[in-house]
Amino acid sequence: MTQWVENPTGGRDRGPVALAQAWVEVLVRPRRFFRAAVAPGDQAPGLVFAGLVVTIEEATRFLLVENAYPVFGGQESLSFIFALALAALFVAPAALHLTAAIQTLLLIPFAPERGGVSETVQLLAYAAAPCVFAGIPIPAVRAACALYGAVLLVVGVHKIHQVSIPRALVLGAIPAAIIFGFGFRGFPAFATLLGIV
């Protein structure tokens, strides 16, 4: 599940420029991106990408939302760094791999030509691209990020696991709810917009 490839074929280039290019490409040309940029066993760029998205999103939220993170011993700066590191380096990768495992289990009976778990981890990581803006405390922005991320997830499932769009929509619903509804707080944003909360 966590296989790393020293010199993978295909997959993403490394470095800051490659990360920026991946962000733009997945937002603008997701079908082409998922077809060309996800390689078996090449999780490293995807995990770095997801970690960076979470870092930007959480840092934005911490800066713009009062009491968004706990302050320990009156050390506000250290608490900020600790909370950010916890979210980006531990919570995000764990949630990503758990959700990839759930997605894989959902795919097993319905996608005989599916890609591997590594490819699923990558597609979930790159689908989070719009969520760099999800830390902005405006419900419409957070809802749009969550919705766009869910659409990218469905496109990724369609391309990587070779299932139809309607089937990808059904099979990707639970992972999309976990990542974008709960993880990036899309459900509370939609609830606020609909006047439920």
Protein backbone atom coordinates (compact mmCIF):
# COMPACT_ATOMS: atom_id res chain seq x y z
CA MET A 1 0.00 0.00 0.00
CA THR A 2 2.81 2.41 0.81
CA GLN A 3 5.21 1.28 -1.89
CA TRP A 4 7.69 3.92 -2.98
CA VAL A 5 9.59 3.68 -6.23
CA GLU A 6 13.14 5.02 -6.40
CA ASN A 7 13.07 5.74 -10.14
CA PRO A 8 9.48 5.40 -11.30
CA THR A 9 8.44 5.53 -14.91
CA GLY A 10 5.77 8.12 -15.60
CA GLY A 11 4.29 9.95 -12.63
CA ARG A 12 5.11 13.47 -11.60
CA ASP A 13 8.35 15.41 -11.66
CA ARG A 14 9.68 16.63 -8.33
CA GLY A 15 10.27 20.16 -7.07
CA PRO A 16 8.35 23.41 -6.52
CA VAL A 17 7.79 24.11 -10.23
CA ALA A 18 6.41 20.60 -10.76
CA LEU A 19 4.04 21.06 -7.80
CA ALA A 20 2.75 24.34 -9.23
CA GLN A 21 2.34 22.77 -12.67
CA ALA A 22 0.47 19.81 -11.19
CA TRP A 23 -1.87 22.18 -9.34
CA VAL A 24 -2.72 24.12 -12.50
CA GLU A 25 -3.00 21.02 -14.69
CA VAL A 26 -5.33 19.10 -12.40
CA LEU A 27 -7.61 22.14 -12.08
CA VAL A 28 -7.67 22.96 -15.79
CA ARG A 29 -7.24 19.59 -17.57
CA PRO A 30 -8.14 16.89 -15.04
CA ARG A 31 -8.81 14.10 -17.57
CA ARG A 32 -5.46 14.54 -19.24
CA PHE A 33 -3.73 15.01 -15.90
CA PHE A 34 -5.07 11.79 -14.36
CA ARG A 35 -4.33 9.85 -17.54
CA ALA A 36 -0.71 11.03 -17.80
CA ALA A 37 0.48 12.04 -14.33
CA VAL A 38 -0.46 9.15 -12.05
CA ALA A 39 1.94 6.21 -12.09
CA PRO A 40 1.90 2.90 -10.18
CA GLY A 41 3.94 3.04 -6.99
CA ASP A 42 4.85 6.73 -7.31
CA GLN A 43 3.14 8.13 -4.23
CA ALA A 44 5.81 10.62 -3.15
CA PRO A 45 4.78 13.58 -5.36
CA GLY A 46 1.09 13.04 -4.55
CA LEU A 47 1.72 12.92 -0.81
CA VAL A 48 3.86 16.06 -0.95
CA PHE A 49 1.14 17.74 -3.02
CA ALA A 50 -1.58 16.82 -0.50
CA GLY A 51 0.61 17.93 2.40
CA LEU A 52 1.19 21.30 0.75
CA VAL A 53 -2.54 21.76 0.05
CA VAL A 54 -3.36 21.00 3.69
CA THR A 55 -0.55 23.28 4.92
CA ILE A 56 -1.85 26.24 2.90
CA GLU A 57 -5.49 25.55 3.78
CA GLU A 58 -4.86 25.14 7.51
CA ALA A 59 -2.44 28.09 7.74
CA THR A 60 -5.06 30.28 6.07
CA ARG A 61 -7.75 29.04 8.46
CA PHE A 62 -5.51 29.51 11.50
CA LEU A 63 -4.73 33.09 10.45
CA LEU A 64 -8.29 34.09 9.56
CA VAL A 65 -10.45 32.21 12.06
CA GLU A 66 -10.27 33.09 15.74
CA ASN A 67 -9.45 30.16 18.06
CA ALA A 68 -8.95 27.81 15.09
CA TYR A 69 -6.13 25.98 16.87
CA PRO A 70 -5.38 25.31 20.55
CA VAL A 71 -2.71 27.41 22.23
CA PHE A 72 -0.56 25.45 24.66
CA GLY A 73 1.14 27.18 27.59
CA GLY A 74 0.59 30.63 26.13
CA GLN A 75 3.00 29.81 23.28
CA GLU A 76 0.94 31.01 20.33
CA SER A 77 3.63 30.77 17.63
CA LEU A 78 4.83 27.32 18.69
CA SER A 79 1.23 26.12 18.97
CA PHE A 80 0.54 27.40 15.44
CA ILE A 81 3.54 25.50 14.05
CA PHE A 82 2.70 22.37 16.03
CA ALA A 83 -0.95 22.34 14.89
CA LEU A 84 0.07 22.95 11.29
CA ALA A 85 2.69 20.19 11.35
CA LEU A 86 0.24 17.79 12.98
CA ALA A 87 -2.37 18.44 10.28
CA ALA A 88 0.00 18.29 7.30
CA LEU A 89 2.46 15.60 8.34
CA PHE A 90 0.30 13.17 10.32
CA VAL A 91 -3.44 13.69 9.96
CA ALA A 92 -3.52 14.33 6.19
CA PRO A 93 -1.39 11.30 5.14
CA ALA A 94 -3.24 8.99 7.54
CA ALA A 95 -6.63 10.20 6.32
CA LEU A 96 -5.49 9.95 2.72
CA HIS A 97 -4.36 6.34 3.05
CA LEU A 98 -7.44 5.32 5.04
CA THR A 99 -9.72 6.89 2.43
CA ALA A 100 -7.74 5.23 -0.37
CA ALA A 101 -8.25 1.86 1.33
CA ILE A 102 -12.00 2.52 1.57
CA GLN A 103 -12.08 3.60 -2.09
CA THR A 104 -10.23 0.43 -3.10
CA LEU A 105 -12.67 -1.78 -1.21
CA LEU A 106 -15.57 -0.04 -2.94
CA LEU A 107 -13.94 -0.56 -6.34
CA ILE A 108 -13.06 -4.26 -5.99
CA PRO A 109 -16.46 -5.71 -7.02
CA PHE A 110 -17.20 -3.09 -9.70
CA ALA A 111 -13.92 -2.20 -11.41
CA PRO A 112 -12.09 -5.27 -12.71
CA GLU A 113 -9.57 -3.10 -14.61
CA ARG A 114 -8.90 -0.83 -11.64
CA GLY A 115 -5.55 0.68 -10.80
CA GLY A 116 -3.73 -0.09 -7.56
CA VAL A 117 -3.97 1.47 -4.12
CA SER A 118 -0.96 3.66 -4.88
CA GLU A 119 -2.76 5.21 -7.83
CA THR A 120 -5.83 5.74 -5.67
CA VAL A 121 -3.74 7.57 -3.07
CA GLN A 122 -2.39 9.81 -5.81
CA LEU A 123 -5.77 10.59 -7.35
CA LEU A 124 -7.23 11.48 -3.94
CA ALA A 125 -4.22 13.71 -3.22
CA TYR A 126 -4.45 15.59 -6.50
CA ALA A 127 -8.24 15.90 -6.29
CA ALA A 128 -7.69 18.10 -3.23
CA ALA A 129 -6.12 20.83 -5.40
CA PRO A 130 -9.00 23.34 -5.11
CA CYS A 131 -8.91 23.08 -1.33
CA VAL A 132 -5.91 25.40 -1.02
CA PHE A 133 -8.67 28.03 -0.69
CA ALA A 134 -10.85 26.04 1.74
CA GLY A 135 -9.33 27.77 4.77
CA ILE A 136 -10.97 31.07 3.82
CA PRO A 137 -13.89 31.44 6.26
CA ILE A 138 -16.50 32.16 3.59
CA PRO A 139 -19.05 29.33 3.27
CA ALA A 140 -19.49 29.82 -0.48
CA VAL A 141 -15.74 29.52 -1.06
CA ARG A 142 -15.44 26.41 1.12
CA ALA A 143 -18.48 24.82 -0.54
CA ALA A 144 -17.09 25.56 -4.02
CA CYS A 145 -13.72 24.03 -3.05
CA ALA A 146 -15.40 20.90 -1.71
CA LEU A 147 -17.63 20.52 -4.76
CA TYR A 148 -14.78 21.05 -7.22
CA GLY A 149 -12.62 18.57 -5.31
CA ALA A 150 -15.40 15.98 -5.39
CA VAL A 151 -15.75 16.47 -9.16
CA LEU A 152 -11.99 15.96 -9.59
CA LEU A 153 -12.19 12.81 -7.47
CA VAL A 154 -14.93 11.40 -9.73
CA VAL A 155 -12.91 12.25 -12.85
CA GLY A 156 -9.86 10.59 -11.29
CA VAL A 157 -11.78 7.42 -10.41
CA HIS A 158 -13.17 7.35 -13.95
CA LYS A 159 -9.75 7.71 -15.58
CA ILE A 160 -7.54 5.70 -13.21
CA HIS A 161 -9.92 2.84 -12.49
CA GLN A 162 -11.57 2.67 -15.91
CA VAL A 163 -15.20 2.92 -14.86
CA SER A 164 -17.98 5.02 -16.37
CA ILE A 165 -18.67 8.50 -14.98
CA PRO A 166 -22.01 7.42 -13.39
CA ARG A 167 -20.29 4.46 -11.73
CA ALA A 168 -17.37 6.67 -10.63
CA LEU A 169 -19.91 9.07 -9.13
CA VAL A 170 -21.47 6.32 -7.03
CA LEU A 171 -18.17 4.63 -6.10
CA GLY A 172 -16.50 7.92 -5.22
CA ALA A 173 -19.34 9.30 -3.09
CA ILE A 174 -18.13 7.98 0.28
CA PRO A 175 -14.47 8.97 -0.22
CA ALA A 176 -15.60 12.41 -1.46
CA ALA A 177 -17.77 12.81 1.64
CA ILE A 178 -14.86 11.86 3.91
CA ILE A 179 -12.26 14.12 2.28
CA PHE A 180 -14.28 17.10 1.12
CA GLY A 181 -17.40 16.96 3.27
CA PHE A 182 -15.67 16.32 6.59
CA GLY A 183 -11.93 16.86 6.04
CA PHE A 184 -12.17 20.18 4.22
CA ARG A 185 -15.42 21.14 5.99
CA GLY A 186 -17.66 21.19 2.94
CA PHE A 187 -20.72 19.86 4.79
CA PRO A 188 -20.80 22.71 7.34
CA ALA A 189 -20.31 25.21 4.51
CA PHE A 190 -23.26 23.81 2.55
CA ALA A 191 -25.35 23.69 5.74
CA THR A 192 -24.62 27.37 6.35
CA LEU A 193 -25.46 28.30 2.76
CA LEU A 194 -28.73 26.37 2.91
CA GLY A 195 -29.66 27.93 6.25
CA ILE A 196 -29.67 24.58 8.07
CA VAL A 197 -27.26 25.82 10.75
